[in-house]
Amino acid sequence: MSIPSRLGSSMNKLLIIAIALALGVPAPAHAQSIGERTGLNALTGVSPSTADFVRETAIGDMFETGSSELAAIRGDAPARAFAARMNEAHQKSSSELALLVRSHATGTTIPPTMDGNRQAMLTRLRGLMSDEFNRQYRDDQVSAHRDAVSLFQRYSEGGDNERLRTWARNMLPVLQEHLGMAQELAR
């Protein structure tokens, strides 16, 4: 890659960051950083902070568990089978995350509830039945797992907590497998 094209790419990233920061409203100290909230960190490949990683992982697990509990009741047979695996896997990862945070990330907290975006997605799912439910559940699973793979990949490469970084690295193949399963389900 030539120097001008590398500079152009870097300048574009800086411009995107500047615009996001200019439009962003300062968040409370316990809230998600602007970079994670806007998707800018994922776009530019920036590793999330430990607080953002924990928050996004916990909320992702809550959404996966909640949506999969619905799919276990409302989904067709393939969605129910997938949901059972997701429920088990995300309950396990939630327990592991809680233990890691308690033991190795003091000062970092796990949110007690989902954020507004994931809560809205779950509310939308609750209002759907039959084919509409199955289609939306499948689409949500692909999207959620793409986001999780990105989050875990970025944290495993540059996270600032060694224990959580190792856990993220170990979880990444599982999440990649879940993404592949979700994509297959969505076909």
C-alpha atoms as a PDB file:
ATOM      1  CA  MET A   1       0.000   0.000   0.000  1.00  0.00           C
ATOM      2  CA  SER A   2       1.413   3.395  -0.873  1.00  0.00           C
ATOM      3  CA  ILE A   3       2.013   6.124   1.685  1.00  0.00           C
ATOM      4  CA  PRO A   4      -0.727   8.419   0.270  1.00  0.00           C
ATOM      5  CA  SER A   5      -3.340   5.643   0.447  1.00  0.00           C
ATOM      6  CA  ARG A   6      -2.282   4.750   3.993  1.00  0.00           C
ATOM      7  CA  LEU A   7      -2.512   8.412   4.966  1.00  0.00           C
ATOM      8  CA  GLY A   8      -5.903   8.696   3.282  1.00  0.00           C
ATOM      9  CA  SER A   9      -7.208   5.727   5.238  1.00  0.00           C
ATOM     10  CA  SER A  10      -5.824   7.123   8.504  1.00  0.00           C
ATOM     11  CA  MET A  11      -7.215  10.559   7.743  1.00  0.00           C
ATOM     12  CA  ASN A  12     -10.649   9.064   7.023  1.00  0.00           C
ATOM     13  CA  LYS A  13     -10.593   7.239  10.365  1.00  0.00           C
ATOM     14  CA  LEU A  14      -9.565  10.428  12.155  1.00  0.00           C
ATOM     15  CA  LEU A  15     -12.334  12.356  10.409  1.00  0.00           C
ATOM     16  CA  ILE A  16     -14.901   9.747  11.456  1.00  0.00           C
ATOM     17  CA  ILE A  17     -13.632   9.884  15.042  1.00  0.00           C
ATOM     18  CA  ALA A  18     -13.745  13.688  15.077  1.00  0.00           C
ATOM     19  CA  ILE A  19     -17.309  13.750  13.747  1.00  0.00           C
ATOM     20  CA  ALA A  20     -18.455  11.121  16.261  1.00  0.00           C
ATOM     21  CA  LEU A  21     -16.854  12.991  19.127  1.00  0.00           C
ATOM     22  CA  ALA A  22     -18.319  16.295  17.951  1.00  0.00           C
ATOM     23  CA  LEU A  23     -21.806  14.794  17.822  1.00  0.00           C
ATOM     24  CA  GLY A  24     -21.464  12.733  20.993  1.00  0.00           C
ATOM     25  CA  VAL A  25     -22.834  13.785  24.318  1.00  0.00           C
ATOM     26  CA  PRO A  26     -20.584  13.049  27.298  1.00  0.00           C
ATOM     27  CA  ALA A  27     -21.800   9.908  28.999  1.00  0.00           C
ATOM     28  CA  PRO A  28     -21.861   9.222  32.723  1.00  0.00           C
ATOM     29  CA  ALA A  29     -18.752   7.487  34.053  1.00  0.00           C
ATOM     30  CA  HIS A  30     -20.522   4.100  34.300  1.00  0.00           C
ATOM     31  CA  ALA A  31     -21.901   4.247  30.771  1.00  0.00           C
ATOM     32  CA  GLN A  32     -20.416   2.923  27.583  1.00  0.00           C
ATOM     33  CA  SER A  33     -17.732   4.976  25.855  1.00  0.00           C
ATOM     34  CA  ILE A  34     -18.663   6.989  22.790  1.00  0.00           C
ATOM     35  CA  GLY A  35     -16.425   4.822  20.597  1.00  0.00           C
ATOM     36  CA  GLU A  36     -18.235   1.608  21.526  1.00  0.00           C
ATOM     37  CA  ARG A  37     -21.687   3.202  21.644  1.00  0.00           C
ATOM     38  CA  THR A  38     -21.384   4.621  18.123  1.00  0.00           C
ATOM     39  CA  GLY A  39     -19.712   1.552  16.642  1.00  0.00           C
ATOM     40  CA  LEU A  40     -16.646   3.623  15.868  1.00  0.00           C
ATOM     41  CA  ASN A  41     -14.312   1.305  17.785  1.00  0.00           C
ATOM     42  CA  ALA A  42     -15.524  -1.671  15.759  1.00  0.00           C
ATOM     43  CA  LEU A  43     -15.215   0.291  12.513  1.00  0.00           C
ATOM     44  CA  THR A  44     -11.639   1.323  13.240  1.00  0.00           C
ATOM     45  CA  GLY A  45     -10.594  -1.910  14.991  1.00  0.00           C
ATOM     46  CA  VAL A  46      -9.956  -0.210  18.346  1.00  0.00           C
ATOM     47  CA  SER A  47      -9.953  -2.489  21.360  1.00  0.00           C
ATOM     48  CA  PRO A  48     -12.725  -1.743  23.846  1.00  0.00           C
ATOM     49  CA  SER A  49     -11.916  -0.734  27.394  1.00  0.00           C
ATOM     50  CA  THR A  50     -12.392  -3.425  30.015  1.00  0.00           C
ATOM     51  CA  ALA A  51     -15.553  -1.677  31.235  1.00  0.00           C
ATOM     52  CA  ASP A  52     -16.973  -1.582  27.690  1.00  0.00           C
ATOM     53  CA  PHE A  53     -16.007  -5.205  27.050  1.00  0.00           C
ATOM     54  CA  VAL A  54     -17.692  -6.388  30.250  1.00  0.00           C
ATOM     55  CA  ARG A  55     -20.764  -4.250  29.617  1.00  0.00           C
ATOM     56  CA  GLU A  56     -21.211  -5.348  25.998  1.00  0.00           C
ATOM     57  CA  THR A  57     -20.543  -9.007  26.799  1.00  0.00           C
ATOM     58  CA  ALA A  58     -23.050  -9.045  29.658  1.00  0.00           C
ATOM     59  CA  ILE A  59     -25.726  -7.241  27.658  1.00  0.00           C
ATOM     60  CA  GLY A  60     -25.109  -9.516  24.687  1.00  0.00           C
ATOM     61  CA  ASP A  61     -25.544 -12.560  26.916  1.00  0.00           C
ATOM     62  CA  MET A  62     -28.768 -11.104  28.342  1.00  0.00           C
ATOM     63  CA  PHE A  63     -30.141 -10.535  24.846  1.00  0.00           C
ATOM     64  CA  GLU A  64     -29.085 -13.968  23.627  1.00  0.00           C
ATOM     65  CA  THR A  65     -30.667 -15.657  26.619  1.00  0.00           C
ATOM     66  CA  GLY A  66     -33.891 -13.623  26.469  1.00  0.00           C
ATOM     67  CA  SER A  67     -34.377 -13.997  22.733  1.00  0.00           C
ATOM     68  CA  SER A  68     -33.519 -17.691  22.848  1.00  0.00           C
ATOM     69  CA  GLU A  69     -36.033 -18.284  25.642  1.00  0.00           C
ATOM     70  CA  LEU A  70     -38.659 -16.791  23.323  1.00  0.00           C
ATOM     71  CA  ALA A  71     -37.443 -18.911  20.409  1.00  0.00           C
ATOM     72  CA  ALA A  72     -37.710 -22.038  22.549  1.00  0.00           C
ATOM     73  CA  ILE A  73     -41.448 -21.348  22.733  1.00  0.00           C
ATOM     74  CA  ARG A  74     -42.290 -19.579  19.461  1.00  0.00           C
ATOM     75  CA  GLY A  75     -39.652 -20.764  17.033  1.00  0.00           C
ATOM     76  CA  ASP A  76     -39.827 -23.519  14.490  1.00  0.00           C
ATOM     77  CA  ALA A  77     -37.853 -26.725  15.132  1.00  0.00           C
ATOM     78  CA  PRO A  78     -34.488 -25.430  13.781  1.00  0.00           C
ATOM     79  CA  ALA A  79     -34.832 -22.167  15.738  1.00  0.00           C
ATOM     80  CA  ARG A  80     -35.706 -24.097  18.920  1.00  0.00           C
ATOM     81  CA  ALA A  81     -32.663 -26.346  18.531  1.00  0.00           C
ATOM     82  CA  PHE A  82     -30.385 -23.351  17.967  1.00  0.00           C
ATOM     83  CA  ALA A  83     -32.010 -21.494  20.875  1.00  0.00           C
ATOM     84  CA  ALA A  84     -31.337 -24.376  23.252  1.00  0.00           C
ATOM     85  CA  ARG A  85     -27.623 -24.264  22.411  1.00  0.00           C
ATOM     86  CA  MET A  86     -27.511 -20.487  22.727  1.00  0.00           C
ATOM     87  CA  ASN A  87     -29.296 -20.515  26.062  1.00  0.00           C
ATOM     88  CA  GLU A  88     -26.863 -23.012  27.511  1.00  0.00           C
ATOM     89  CA  ALA A  89     -23.780 -21.319  26.052  1.00  0.00           C
ATOM     90  CA  HIS A  90     -24.730 -17.783  27.071  1.00  0.00           C
ATOM     91  CA  GLN A  91     -25.775 -18.757  30.584  1.00  0.00           C
ATOM     92  CA  LYS A  92     -22.367 -20.398  30.953  1.00  0.00           C
ATOM     93  CA  SER A  93     -20.496 -17.382  29.580  1.00  0.00           C
ATOM     94  CA  SER A  94     -22.494 -15.062  31.862  1.00  0.00           C
ATOM     95  CA  SER A  95     -21.416 -17.118  34.878  1.00  0.00           C
ATOM     96  CA  GLU A  96     -17.797 -17.167  33.729  1.00  0.00           C
ATOM     97  CA  LEU A  97     -17.818 -13.411  33.122  1.00  0.00           C
ATOM     98  CA  ALA A  98     -19.291 -12.711  36.556  1.00  0.00           C
ATOM     99  CA  LEU A  99     -16.602 -14.828  38.212  1.00  0.00           C
ATOM    100  CA  LEU A 100     -13.815 -13.162  36.229  1.00  0.00           C
ATOM    101  CA  VAL A 101     -15.090  -9.676  36.992  1.00  0.00           C
ATOM    102  CA  ARG A 102     -15.479 -10.459  40.684  1.00  0.00           C
ATOM    103  CA  SER A 103     -11.991 -12.005  40.913  1.00  0.00           C
ATOM    104  CA  HIS A 104      -9.894 -10.067  38.404  1.00  0.00           C
ATOM    105  CA  ALA A 105     -11.610  -6.837  37.379  1.00  0.00           C
ATOM    106  CA  THR A 106     -12.492  -5.092  40.601  1.00  0.00           C
ATOM    107  CA  GLY A 107     -14.097  -1.747  39.980  1.00  0.00           C
ATOM    108  CA  THR A 108     -15.764  -3.038  36.825  1.00  0.00           C
ATOM    109  CA  THR A 109     -19.472  -3.760  37.074  1.00  0.00           C
ATOM    110  CA  ILE A 110     -21.854  -5.947  35.165  1.00  0.00           C
ATOM    111  CA  PRO A 111     -25.013  -4.068  34.194  1.00  0.00           C
ATOM    112  CA  PRO A 112     -28.181  -5.458  35.775  1.00  0.00           C
ATOM    113  CA  THR A 113     -30.297  -4.962  32.637  1.00  0.00           C
ATOM    114  CA  MET A 114     -30.004  -4.688  28.882  1.00  0.00           C
ATOM    115  CA  ASP A 115     -29.454  -1.374  27.152  1.00  0.00           C
ATOM    116  CA  GLY A 116     -32.324   0.327  25.326  1.00  0.00           C
ATOM    117  CA  ASN A 117     -31.303  -0.979  21.921  1.00  0.00           C
ATOM    118  CA  ARG A 118     -31.277  -4.664  22.905  1.00  0.00           C
ATOM    119  CA  GLN A 119     -34.401  -4.220  25.015  1.00  0.00           C
ATOM    120  CA  ALA A 120     -36.160  -2.757  21.960  1.00  0.00           C
ATOM    121  CA  MET A 121     -35.015  -5.722  19.861  1.00  0.00           C
ATOM    122  CA  LEU A 122     -36.392  -8.140  22.458  1.00  0.00           C
ATOM    123  CA  THR A 123     -39.668  -6.209  22.683  1.00  0.00           C
ATOM    124  CA  ARG A 124     -39.988  -6.343  18.885  1.00  0.00           C
ATOM    125  CA  LEU A 125     -39.447 -10.123  18.966  1.00  0.00           C
ATOM    126  CA  ARG A 126     -42.133 -10.516  21.637  1.00  0.00           C
ATOM    127  CA  GLY A 127     -44.632  -8.912  19.265  1.00  0.00           C
ATOM    128  CA  LEU A 128     -43.964 -11.354  16.409  1.00  0.00           C
ATOM    129  CA  MET A 129     -45.299 -14.834  15.701  1.00  0.00           C
ATOM    130  CA  SER A 130     -44.687 -17.666  13.229  1.00  0.00           C
ATOM    131  CA  ASP A 131     -42.625 -16.883  10.143  1.00  0.00           C
ATOM    132  CA  GLU A 132     -42.111 -13.236  11.121  1.00  0.00           C
ATOM    133  CA  PHE A 133     -40.736 -14.318  14.496  1.00  0.00           C
ATOM    134  CA  ASN A 134     -38.453 -16.951  12.966  1.00  0.00           C
ATOM    135  CA  ARG A 135     -37.103 -14.530  10.367  1.00  0.00           C
ATOM    136  CA  GLN A 136     -36.429 -11.773  12.921  1.00  0.00           C
ATOM    137  CA  TYR A 137     -34.886 -14.169  15.460  1.00  0.00           C
ATOM    138  CA  ARG A 138     -32.532 -15.529  12.810  1.00  0.00           C
ATOM    139  CA  ASP A 139     -31.529 -12.038  11.622  1.00  0.00           C
ATOM    140  CA  ASP A 140     -30.966 -10.871  15.198  1.00  0.00           C
ATOM    141  CA  GLN A 141     -28.778 -13.908  15.928  1.00  0.00           C
ATOM    142  CA  VAL A 142     -26.540 -13.248  12.940  1.00  0.00           C
ATOM    143  CA  SER A 143     -26.195  -9.584  13.872  1.00  0.00           C
ATOM    144  CA  ALA A 144     -25.604 -10.270  17.577  1.00  0.00           C
ATOM    145  CA  HIS A 145     -22.955 -12.888  16.853  1.00  0.00           C
ATOM    146  CA  ARG A 146     -21.157 -10.690  14.315  1.00  0.00           C
ATOM    147  CA  ASP A 147     -21.002  -7.977  16.967  1.00  0.00           C
ATOM    148  CA  ALA A 148     -19.789 -10.454  19.595  1.00  0.00           C
ATOM    149  CA  VAL A 149     -17.057 -11.850  17.329  1.00  0.00           C
ATOM    150  CA  SER A 150     -15.846  -8.309  16.628  1.00  0.00           C
ATOM    151  CA  LEU A 151     -15.911  -7.371  20.321  1.00  0.00           C
ATOM    152  CA  PHE A 152     -14.064 -10.498  21.460  1.00  0.00           C
ATOM    153  CA  GLN A 153     -11.547 -10.306  18.610  1.00  0.00           C
ATOM    154  CA  ARG A 154     -10.703  -6.684  19.400  1.00  0.00           C
ATOM    155  CA  TYR A 155     -10.474  -7.266  23.161  1.00  0.00           C
ATOM    156  CA  SER A 156      -8.409 -10.453  22.803  1.00  0.00           C
ATOM    157  CA  GLU A 157      -5.879  -8.493  20.737  1.00  0.00           C
ATOM    158  CA  GLY A 158      -5.629  -5.342  22.823  1.00  0.00           C
ATOM    159  CA  GLY A 159      -7.614  -5.550  26.049  1.00  0.00           C
ATOM    160  CA  ASP A 160      -5.944  -4.212  29.159  1.00  0.00           C
ATOM    161  CA  ASN A 161      -6.971  -7.012  31.574  1.00  0.00           C
ATOM    162  CA  GLU A 162      -4.886 -10.143  31.006  1.00  0.00           C
ATOM    163  CA  ARG A 163      -7.417 -12.600  32.504  1.00  0.00           C
ATOM    164  CA  LEU A 164     -10.330 -11.179  30.496  1.00  0.00           C
ATOM    165  CA  ARG A 165      -8.150 -10.995  27.364  1.00  0.00           C
ATOM    166  CA  THR A 166      -7.279 -14.693  27.721  1.00  0.00           C
ATOM    167  CA  TRP A 167     -10.938 -15.558  28.293  1.00  0.00           C
ATOM    168  CA  ALA A 168     -11.931 -13.527  25.221  1.00  0.00           C
ATOM    169  CA  ARG A 169      -9.297 -15.337  23.156  1.00  0.00           C
ATOM    170  CA  ASN A 170     -10.586 -18.719  24.373  1.00  0.00           C
ATOM    171  CA  MET A 171     -14.225 -17.788  23.734  1.00  0.00           C
ATOM    172  CA  LEU A 172     -13.623 -16.465  20.226  1.00  0.00           C
ATOM    173  CA  PRO A 173     -13.726 -19.877  18.447  1.00  0.00           C
ATOM    174  CA  VAL A 174     -17.016 -20.672  20.224  1.00  0.00           C
ATOM    175  CA  LEU A 175     -18.522 -17.363  19.115  1.00  0.00           C
ATOM    176  CA  GLN A 176     -17.274 -17.878  15.571  1.00  0.00           C
ATOM    177  CA  GLU A 177     -18.947 -21.297  15.594  1.00  0.00           C
ATOM    178  CA  HIS A 178     -22.176 -19.691  16.870  1.00  0.00           C
ATOM    179  CA  LEU A 179     -21.981 -17.105  14.092  1.00  0.00           C
ATOM    180  CA  GLY A 180     -21.609 -19.856  11.498  1.00  0.00           C
ATOM    181  CA  MET A 181     -24.568 -21.712  12.995  1.00  0.00           C
ATOM    182  CA  ALA A 182     -26.668 -18.521  13.007  1.00  0.00           C
ATOM    183  CA  GLN A 183     -25.778 -17.817   9.380  1.00  0.00           C
ATOM    184  CA  GLU A 184     -26.718 -21.365   8.422  1.00  0.00           C
ATOM    185  CA  LEU A 185     -29.996 -21.031  10.325  1.00  0.00           C
ATOM    186  CA  ALA A 186     -30.763 -17.776   8.513  1.00  0.00           C
ATOM    187  CA  ARG A 187     -30.439 -19.377   5.058  1.00  0.00           C
END
